[in-house]
Amino acid sequence: MLDDVHKELVSSIAKAHESLKRDMAKLRAGRASANLLDGVRVDYYGTMTPLAQMANINIPEPRMITVKPWDKTVMKAVEKALRENDLGLNPQVDGDIIRLPLPPLTEERRREFVKIAKKYGEECKVTIRKARHEALDMLTEIDDGGGASTDDVERSKKKAEETVSESVKVVDQIVAAKEKDIMEV
């Protein structure tokens, strides 16, 4: 029973780390990445559809993303979705392809991205702390209910705290790596 609580804690932490990595992938460093368009949804005949499910997304150059919708009739909808998204990109329609040139990042914009990265890191830490709190509550319930000895419960609590502190270090490493990537000119 104590192992189940620890497994659940580790699972929650892994999900938090994956969510953080997905959020970090959406942040633009200096180079183009198809991950930048992960959050873009296009109105496709009344259904909000992820852009990746209705178009080819390519990176022909380090500062250029091209989007080629499979259905040419949705070109205007794709362009509108790209324009309205908070990416700061200016789509240019060129026949049956949409080009998204990435402007070079200014120092101010880089600092904003670093702040956003740190915010994502803090949100991940809050999620991890919440998972720790839930695990410790479950362990206390097991101890109160007589499901395990007090010594075993205390060892499990200590193990949970160690797991959480290690995972917080991983979050800090992920954020630091992204910060370094963003600030690199």
Protein backbone atom coordinates (compact mmCIF):
# COMPACT_ATOMS: atom_id res chain seq x y z
CA MET A 1 0.00 0.00 0.00
CA LEU A 2 2.87 2.37 0.79
CA ASP A 3 4.49 1.51 -2.55
CA ASP A 4 1.24 2.36 -4.35
CA VAL A 5 1.27 5.84 -2.83
CA HIS A 6 4.88 6.35 -3.95
CA LYS A 7 4.12 5.05 -7.46
CA GLU A 8 1.20 7.46 -7.73
CA LEU A 9 3.44 10.34 -6.60
CA VAL A 10 6.10 9.43 -9.17
CA SER A 11 3.42 9.18 -11.87
CA SER A 12 2.03 12.63 -11.00
CA ILE A 13 5.53 14.11 -11.07
CA ALA A 14 6.25 12.53 -14.46
CA LYS A 15 3.04 14.03 -15.87
CA ALA A 16 4.01 17.45 -14.50
CA HIS A 17 7.46 17.18 -16.12
CA GLU A 18 5.92 16.19 -19.48
CA SER A 19 3.52 19.13 -19.31
CA LEU A 20 6.43 21.47 -18.56
CA LYS A 21 8.41 20.12 -21.52
CA ARG A 22 5.43 20.64 -23.83
CA ASP A 23 5.02 24.22 -22.59
CA MET A 24 8.74 24.89 -23.02
CA ALA A 25 8.65 23.56 -26.59
CA LYS A 26 6.08 26.21 -27.47
CA LEU A 27 8.40 29.00 -26.33
CA ARG A 28 10.36 30.41 -29.19
CA ALA A 29 14.14 30.57 -28.87
CA GLY A 30 15.90 31.97 -31.93
CA ARG A 31 15.24 29.07 -34.25
CA ALA A 32 12.11 27.91 -35.99
CA SER A 33 10.39 24.84 -34.59
CA ALA A 34 7.20 23.09 -35.63
CA ASN A 35 6.33 22.91 -31.91
CA LEU A 36 5.60 26.65 -32.03
CA LEU A 37 2.37 25.85 -33.87
CA ASP A 38 1.20 23.09 -31.52
CA GLY A 39 -1.44 25.29 -29.90
CA VAL A 40 -2.84 26.67 -33.17
CA ARG A 41 -6.39 25.52 -33.90
CA VAL A 42 -8.18 26.24 -37.15
CA ASP A 43 -11.94 26.46 -37.73
CA TYR A 44 -12.34 23.57 -40.16
CA TYR A 45 -15.99 23.38 -41.21
CA GLY A 46 -17.19 24.35 -37.74
CA THR A 47 -14.71 22.18 -35.80
CA MET A 48 -11.63 23.61 -34.10
CA THR A 49 -8.91 21.36 -35.51
CA PRO A 50 -5.18 21.35 -34.58
CA LEU A 51 -3.14 22.78 -37.45
CA ALA A 52 -0.82 19.74 -37.51
CA GLN A 53 -3.82 17.51 -38.37
CA MET A 54 -4.71 19.46 -41.50
CA ALA A 55 -1.42 20.70 -42.96
CA ASN A 56 2.23 19.87 -43.55
CA ILE A 57 4.47 21.98 -41.34
CA ASN A 58 8.09 22.31 -42.48
CA ILE A 59 11.21 24.22 -41.44
CA PRO A 60 13.05 25.04 -44.69
CA GLU A 61 15.36 27.58 -43.02
CA PRO A 62 16.35 28.34 -39.40
CA ARG A 63 14.05 31.39 -39.31
CA MET A 64 11.17 30.20 -41.51
CA ILE A 65 8.19 27.89 -41.02
CA THR A 66 6.06 26.83 -43.96
CA VAL A 67 2.50 25.55 -43.66
CA LYS A 68 0.88 23.74 -46.58
CA PRO A 69 -2.79 22.83 -45.91
CA TRP A 70 -3.94 19.59 -47.53
CA ASP A 71 -7.29 21.17 -48.36
CA LYS A 72 -6.69 24.35 -50.37
CA THR A 73 -10.16 25.69 -49.48
CA VAL A 74 -9.10 26.33 -45.86
CA MET A 75 -6.16 28.57 -46.77
CA LYS A 76 -7.93 31.72 -45.48
CA ALA A 77 -8.97 29.99 -42.23
CA VAL A 78 -5.41 28.79 -41.60
CA GLU A 79 -3.99 32.24 -42.30
CA LYS A 80 -6.59 33.81 -39.95
CA ALA A 81 -5.78 31.31 -37.17
CA LEU A 82 -2.04 31.99 -37.50
CA ARG A 83 -2.58 35.75 -37.50
CA GLU A 84 -4.87 35.68 -34.42
CA ASN A 85 -2.62 33.41 -32.38
CA ASP A 86 -0.31 35.08 -29.83
CA LEU A 87 2.82 33.96 -31.65
CA GLY A 88 3.77 37.38 -32.98
CA LEU A 89 4.12 35.95 -36.50
CA ASN A 90 2.99 37.51 -39.77
CA PRO A 91 1.82 34.80 -42.20
CA GLN A 92 2.47 35.40 -45.90
CA VAL A 93 0.37 33.45 -48.41
CA ASP A 94 2.39 32.32 -51.42
CA GLY A 95 0.18 30.28 -53.74
CA ASP A 96 -0.72 27.07 -51.91
CA ILE A 97 1.79 27.57 -49.09
CA ILE A 98 1.88 29.91 -46.09
CA ARG A 99 5.27 31.23 -45.03
CA LEU A 100 5.91 32.31 -41.44
CA PRO A 101 9.16 34.25 -41.20
CA LEU A 102 10.42 34.46 -37.63
CA PRO A 103 11.65 37.94 -36.81
CA PRO A 104 14.87 38.06 -34.82
CA LEU A 105 14.19 38.30 -31.11
CA THR A 106 15.00 41.56 -29.36
CA GLU A 107 16.65 41.55 -25.96
CA GLU A 108 13.37 42.70 -24.38
CA ARG A 109 11.38 39.91 -26.06
CA ARG A 110 13.96 37.34 -24.95
CA ARG A 111 13.59 38.50 -21.35
CA GLU A 112 9.80 38.18 -21.65
CA PHE A 113 10.20 34.60 -22.88
CA VAL A 114 12.53 33.85 -19.95
CA LYS A 115 9.86 35.19 -17.55
CA ILE A 116 7.26 32.98 -19.21
CA ALA A 117 9.60 29.97 -18.94
CA LYS A 118 10.12 30.64 -15.23
CA LYS A 119 6.34 30.98 -14.78
CA TYR A 120 5.86 27.56 -16.43
CA GLY A 121 8.53 26.15 -14.13
CA GLU A 122 6.81 27.58 -11.06
CA GLU A 123 3.45 26.17 -12.17
CA CYS A 124 5.09 22.76 -12.52
CA LYS A 125 6.57 23.04 -9.02
CA VAL A 126 3.14 23.91 -7.62
CA THR A 127 1.71 20.80 -9.29
CA ILE A 128 4.51 18.69 -7.80
CA ARG A 129 3.95 20.17 -4.33
CA LYS A 130 0.25 19.41 -4.63
CA ALA A 131 1.06 15.79 -5.52
CA ARG A 132 3.41 15.62 -2.50
CA HIS A 133 0.69 17.00 -0.24
CA GLU A 134 -1.78 14.38 -1.50
CA ALA A 135 0.77 11.59 -1.01
CA LEU A 136 1.57 12.70 2.53
CA ASP A 137 -2.15 12.88 3.35
CA MET A 138 -2.63 9.32 2.07
CA LEU A 139 0.34 8.13 4.13
CA THR A 140 -1.10 9.80 7.23
CA GLU A 141 -4.44 8.07 6.59
CA ILE A 142 -2.65 4.71 6.29
CA ASP A 143 -0.84 5.40 9.56
CA ASP A 144 -4.06 6.44 11.36
CA GLY A 145 -5.96 3.46 9.97
CA GLY A 146 -3.29 1.02 11.13
CA GLY A 147 -2.51 -0.13 7.58
CA ALA A 148 1.25 0.01 8.24
CA SER A 149 3.65 0.61 11.10
CA THR A 150 4.50 4.18 12.03
CA ASP A 151 8.17 3.59 11.16
CA ASP A 152 7.27 2.35 7.66
CA VAL A 153 5.00 5.35 7.12
CA GLU A 154 7.73 7.75 8.27
CA ARG A 155 10.22 6.09 5.89
CA SER A 156 7.70 6.44 3.07
CA LYS A 157 7.17 10.11 3.91
CA LYS A 158 10.92 10.69 3.84
CA LYS A 159 11.17 8.86 0.51
CA ALA A 160 8.35 11.03 -0.89
CA GLU A 161 10.13 14.21 0.24
CA GLU A 162 13.37 13.04 -1.43
CA THR A 163 11.51 12.22 -4.64
CA VAL A 164 9.88 15.65 -4.66
CA SER A 165 13.15 17.50 -4.02
CA GLU A 166 14.82 15.58 -6.88
CA SER A 167 11.95 16.39 -9.22
CA VAL A 168 12.11 20.08 -8.30
CA LYS A 169 15.81 20.03 -9.23
CA VAL A 170 14.85 18.53 -12.61
CA VAL A 171 12.34 21.36 -13.14
CA ASP A 172 15.05 23.92 -12.36
CA GLN A 173 17.38 22.21 -14.85
CA ILE A 174 14.72 22.24 -17.59
CA VAL A 175 13.99 25.94 -16.99
CA ALA A 176 17.71 26.83 -16.88
CA ALA A 177 18.35 24.99 -20.15
CA LYS A 178 15.45 26.79 -21.84
CA GLU A 179 16.61 30.14 -20.43
CA LYS A 180 20.09 29.52 -21.85
CA ASP A 181 18.56 28.55 -25.20
CA ILE A 182 16.37 31.69 -25.30
CA MET A 183 19.14 34.11 -24.32
CA GLU A 184 21.59 32.64 -26.83
CA VAL A 185 22.01 35.09 -29.71
